Structures are given as C-alpha cells and as structure tokens.
Amino acid sequence: MQEILQQTTWQEWLGVVFSVFQVLLARKNNSNNYLFGIAGISLSLYVMFFAKLYAEFTLNLYYLVMSIYGWLYWKFGKKQKETAISETTNQEKMITAAIVIGTFSLFWVFLTRFTDSDVPIWDSLVSAFAWAGMWLMARRKIENWILLNMSNIVAIPLLIHKGLYLYAALTAFLFIVAIFGYLEWRKIINRKWSLRNL
C-alpha cells in the first residue's frame, strides 16, 4: 500500500481531490461543481496522457469543454435562468445512443490504428459512456447518472490495470455518489410533478 501511495503523483492526488468536490456538489445540484471539475480535469489530462489512456485523455478534453458549457447552461439556460432537472426526451435518447456508438467507434479505430494503446476496447467503452453521460449532465438530465455509472463500472478495473489506484478509488467513489445523485435528482423531479398536479 505504501508503495502505491509513493508512486502516486501530486497531479493525481490534487486531481482526485478536486474531482471529489465536483461530484459532491453535482449531487447537491450546485452549479459550482463545474469550477472544481475544471481544475480536476486539467490535472487529469496530464495523468491520462502519460498513462497512455488516450481515449480518456480525449474524454478529459471533452469534459473540459462540457464543464464550461455545463456551468453556463446550468447558470443561465435558454431563458437566462437556471435550468431545471428533467428526464430525457425521445430525441435526446436517440442523440445519447448516437454519442455512445459514434464515440466508441471513433476511439476504437483511432486507438487500434494510431496509438500504442494496449486496452483500446475498454478505453473506448469508458469514454463512449462518459461522453454521453457528460452531455446529459450538462443538459441537467437525470439519466446522466446511469450513463456515467456505466462508464465507471468499466473504468475501475481498467484504472487498476494501468496502476492508477487513486483514480480507481475515485471512480469507485464516483460510482456510489452517482447512485445517490440519481436518487436525489429523482426526488426533485417527483416533487416537481407533485406540485404541478396539485
């Protein structure tokens, strides 16, 4: 255990700390989660590149863009007021499926043909589900938690395989938080429906 802790870089430690704050704030429906996310993502870019997790590196670039977009969307939305949590529409479900299939295909082709990745399928799967989940989170859709946990369940053994134990522990923590995040957001939606039906 001590050897694992000694091998962990300060970038990984700090990236994990910022990411923990980000997900706890997201669970509480606090739009400032994105500010911590931007800091954590910036550090994760460095770590993932040197671990040769190129799809996850690209995923973190996407996270960075979506975090900026998400913060602005959560704060101002379409009508210059904070956007409410909601469920995905049928059109958004189709877009989500297209994101998963499209990003998996693109990453798999890129990783197998142009990189020295030894885990192209798993790295592509993690990224595909996470890309779709992050898009849903930025739009404040409850199903984001489901897609993100599909990514998490694949990412945990992948990160252990790569020796990124701290990120694996963070991902296991994120998996648990996502379950509670889904339940809390479901309560908010149910409360909104109850008030509407009064």
Protein backbone atom coordinates (compact mmCIF):
# COMPACT_ATOMS: atom_id res chain seq x y z
CA MET A 1 0.00 0.00 0.00
CA GLN A 2 2.83 2.38 0.90
CA GLU A 3 4.48 1.67 -2.44
CA ILE A 4 1.23 2.55 -4.26
CA LEU A 5 0.96 5.83 -2.37
CA GLN A 6 4.58 6.70 -3.15
CA GLN A 7 4.02 6.08 -6.88
CA THR A 8 1.04 8.43 -6.95
CA THR A 9 1.95 11.83 -8.39
CA TRP A 10 0.86 15.13 -6.88
CA GLN A 11 -1.13 15.78 -10.07
CA GLU A 12 -3.14 12.60 -9.46
CA TRP A 13 -3.71 13.46 -5.77
CA LEU A 14 -4.86 17.00 -6.47
CA GLY A 15 -6.93 15.95 -9.50
CA VAL A 16 -8.75 13.41 -7.34
CA VAL A 17 -9.41 15.94 -4.55
CA PHE A 18 -10.92 18.45 -6.98
CA SER A 19 -12.96 15.69 -8.63
CA VAL A 20 -14.39 14.59 -5.26
CA PHE A 21 -15.57 18.13 -4.55
CA GLN A 22 -17.01 18.38 -8.07
CA VAL A 23 -19.14 15.26 -7.81
CA LEU A 24 -20.37 16.05 -4.29
CA LEU A 25 -21.51 19.48 -5.46
CA ALA A 26 -23.15 17.96 -8.58
CA ARG A 27 -25.03 15.53 -6.36
CA LYS A 28 -26.32 18.50 -4.37
CA ASN A 29 -27.41 20.19 -7.59
CA ASN A 30 -24.87 23.01 -7.12
CA SER A 31 -23.77 24.62 -10.38
CA ASN A 32 -20.36 25.49 -8.90
CA ASN A 33 -19.45 21.80 -9.24
CA TYR A 34 -18.13 22.66 -12.68
CA LEU A 35 -15.48 25.03 -11.31
CA PHE A 36 -13.93 22.22 -9.26
CA GLY A 37 -14.38 19.92 -12.25
CA ILE A 38 -12.37 22.23 -14.50
CA ALA A 39 -9.46 22.19 -12.02
CA GLY A 40 -9.57 18.40 -11.60
CA ILE A 41 -9.88 17.78 -15.33
CA SER A 42 -6.86 19.94 -16.11
CA LEU A 43 -4.72 17.77 -13.83
CA SER A 44 -6.25 14.54 -15.14
CA LEU A 45 -5.22 15.45 -18.69
CA TYR A 46 -1.59 15.24 -17.65
CA VAL A 47 -2.02 11.94 -15.79
CA MET A 48 -4.01 10.17 -18.53
CA PHE A 49 -1.59 11.17 -21.28
CA PHE A 50 1.41 9.67 -19.51
CA ALA A 51 -0.59 6.53 -18.61
CA LYS A 52 -1.24 6.06 -22.37
CA LEU A 53 -5.00 6.20 -21.80
CA TYR A 54 -5.51 8.28 -24.90
CA ALA A 55 -9.30 7.91 -25.13
CA GLU A 56 -9.56 9.02 -21.51
CA PHE A 57 -7.21 11.91 -22.28
CA THR A 58 -9.53 12.96 -25.10
CA LEU A 59 -12.50 12.35 -22.81
CA ASN A 60 -10.99 14.81 -20.35
CA LEU A 61 -10.61 17.41 -23.10
CA TYR A 62 -14.31 16.89 -23.80
CA TYR A 63 -15.05 17.13 -20.06
CA LEU A 64 -13.24 20.45 -20.01
CA VAL A 65 -15.36 21.87 -22.84
CA MET A 66 -18.58 20.37 -21.43
CA SER A 67 -17.77 21.68 -17.95
CA ILE A 68 -17.55 25.21 -19.29
CA TYR A 69 -20.73 24.68 -21.33
CA GLY A 70 -22.46 22.95 -18.40
CA TRP A 71 -21.63 25.71 -15.96
CA LEU A 72 -23.04 28.33 -18.35
CA TYR A 73 -26.11 26.20 -19.18
CA TRP A 74 -26.86 25.42 -15.52
CA LYS A 75 -26.46 29.06 -14.58
CA PHE A 76 -28.30 30.69 -17.45
CA GLY A 77 -30.07 28.02 -19.53
CA LYS A 78 -32.06 29.00 -22.58
CA LYS A 79 -34.09 31.72 -20.89
CA GLN A 80 -31.41 33.36 -18.79
CA LYS A 81 -32.47 31.46 -15.67
CA GLU A 82 -31.17 28.30 -14.06
CA THR A 83 -32.25 25.17 -15.95
CA ALA A 84 -34.38 22.63 -14.06
CA ILE A 85 -33.57 18.94 -13.71
CA SER A 86 -35.63 16.81 -16.10
CA GLU A 87 -35.85 13.45 -17.86
CA THR A 88 -34.57 12.89 -21.38
CA THR A 89 -36.94 13.22 -24.31
CA ASN A 90 -37.09 10.55 -27.03
CA GLN A 91 -34.96 12.76 -29.26
CA GLU A 92 -32.33 13.13 -26.51
CA LYS A 93 -32.31 9.34 -26.03
CA MET A 94 -31.54 8.91 -29.73
CA ILE A 95 -28.77 11.52 -29.52
CA THR A 96 -27.37 9.76 -26.44
CA ALA A 97 -27.29 6.39 -28.24
CA ALA A 98 -25.61 8.03 -31.23
CA ILE A 99 -22.97 9.59 -28.96
CA VAL A 100 -22.20 6.20 -27.36
CA ILE A 101 -21.99 4.29 -30.64
CA GLY A 102 -20.20 7.07 -32.54
CA THR A 103 -17.58 7.82 -29.91
CA PHE A 104 -16.89 4.13 -29.24
CA SER A 105 -16.36 3.51 -32.95
CA LEU A 106 -14.14 6.56 -33.44
CA PHE A 107 -12.00 5.86 -30.40
CA TRP A 108 -11.62 2.15 -31.18
CA VAL A 109 -10.47 2.86 -34.73
CA PHE A 110 -8.14 5.65 -33.61
CA LEU A 111 -6.64 3.67 -30.71
CA THR A 112 -6.05 0.50 -32.70
CA ARG A 113 -4.57 2.22 -35.76
CA PHE A 114 -2.72 5.25 -34.48
CA THR A 115 -1.61 4.64 -30.88
CA ASP A 116 0.28 2.13 -28.76
CA SER A 117 -2.76 1.56 -26.51
CA ASP A 118 -2.93 -1.95 -25.04
CA VAL A 119 -6.59 -1.53 -23.99
CA PRO A 120 -8.40 0.02 -26.98
CA ILE A 121 -11.80 -1.64 -26.41
CA TRP A 122 -12.01 -0.88 -22.69
CA ASP A 123 -10.64 2.64 -23.03
CA SER A 124 -13.14 3.30 -25.84
CA LEU A 125 -16.07 1.93 -23.81
CA VAL A 126 -15.26 4.07 -20.78
CA SER A 127 -15.04 7.15 -22.93
CA ALA A 128 -18.16 6.44 -25.01
CA PHE A 129 -20.47 6.10 -21.99
CA ALA A 130 -18.83 9.05 -20.25
CA TRP A 131 -19.16 11.34 -23.30
CA ALA A 132 -22.89 10.64 -23.43
CA GLY A 133 -23.30 10.96 -19.66
CA MET A 134 -21.49 14.27 -19.54
CA TRP A 135 -23.67 15.64 -22.34
CA LEU A 136 -26.76 14.65 -20.36
CA MET A 137 -25.37 16.17 -17.16
CA ALA A 138 -24.65 19.45 -18.91
CA ARG A 139 -28.30 19.48 -20.00
CA ARG A 140 -29.37 18.59 -16.45
CA LYS A 141 -30.93 15.26 -17.40
CA ILE A 142 -31.34 12.65 -14.66
CA GLU A 143 -30.18 9.80 -16.90
CA ASN A 144 -26.66 11.25 -16.84
CA TRP A 145 -26.04 9.31 -13.63
CA ILE A 146 -26.86 6.00 -15.34
CA LEU A 147 -24.52 6.60 -18.29
CA LEU A 148 -21.74 7.85 -16.04
CA ASN A 149 -22.03 4.72 -13.90
CA MET A 150 -21.85 2.50 -16.96
CA SER A 151 -18.56 4.25 -17.67
CA ASN A 152 -17.43 3.92 -14.04
CA ILE A 153 -18.07 0.18 -13.86
CA VAL A 154 -15.74 -0.39 -16.82
CA ALA A 155 -13.20 2.23 -15.71
CA ILE A 156 -12.47 0.77 -12.26
CA PRO A 157 -10.70 -2.42 -13.45
CA LEU A 158 -9.11 -0.51 -16.35
CA LEU A 159 -7.53 2.03 -13.99
CA ILE A 160 -6.32 -0.76 -11.68
CA HIS A 161 -4.77 -2.49 -14.71
CA LYS A 162 -2.93 0.75 -15.50
CA GLY A 163 -1.69 1.16 -11.92
CA LEU A 164 -3.75 4.31 -11.34
CA TYR A 165 -5.06 3.11 -7.99
CA LEU A 166 -6.06 6.51 -6.70
CA TYR A 167 -8.14 7.18 -9.81
CA ALA A 168 -9.64 3.68 -9.46
CA ALA A 169 -10.63 4.51 -5.86
CA LEU A 170 -12.02 7.85 -7.01
CA THR A 171 -14.05 6.09 -9.71
CA ALA A 172 -15.47 3.62 -7.16
CA PHE A 173 -16.41 6.62 -5.00
CA LEU A 174 -17.98 8.31 -8.03
CA PHE A 175 -19.98 5.15 -8.71
CA ILE A 176 -21.50 5.31 -5.22
CA VAL A 177 -22.11 9.06 -5.39
CA ALA A 178 -23.81 8.65 -8.78
CA ILE A 179 -26.31 6.22 -7.24
CA PHE A 180 -27.20 8.77 -4.57
CA GLY A 181 -27.13 11.58 -7.13
CA TYR A 182 -29.70 9.74 -9.22
CA LEU A 183 -31.92 9.17 -6.17
CA GLU A 184 -31.71 12.83 -5.11
CA TRP A 185 -32.47 14.10 -8.61
CA ARG A 186 -35.39 11.63 -8.83
CA LYS A 187 -36.84 13.16 -5.63
CA ILE A 188 -36.53 16.64 -7.15
CA ILE A 189 -38.36 15.53 -10.31
CA ASN A 190 -41.07 13.75 -8.30
CA ARG A 191 -41.54 16.81 -6.09
CA LYS A 192 -41.91 18.99 -9.18
CA TRP A 193 -44.56 16.63 -10.60
CA SER A 194 -46.40 16.54 -7.28
CA LEU A 195 -46.54 20.34 -7.11
CA ARG A 196 -47.70 20.52 -10.73
CA ASN A 197 -50.56 18.08 -10.06
CA LEU A 198 -51.90 19.95 -7.01
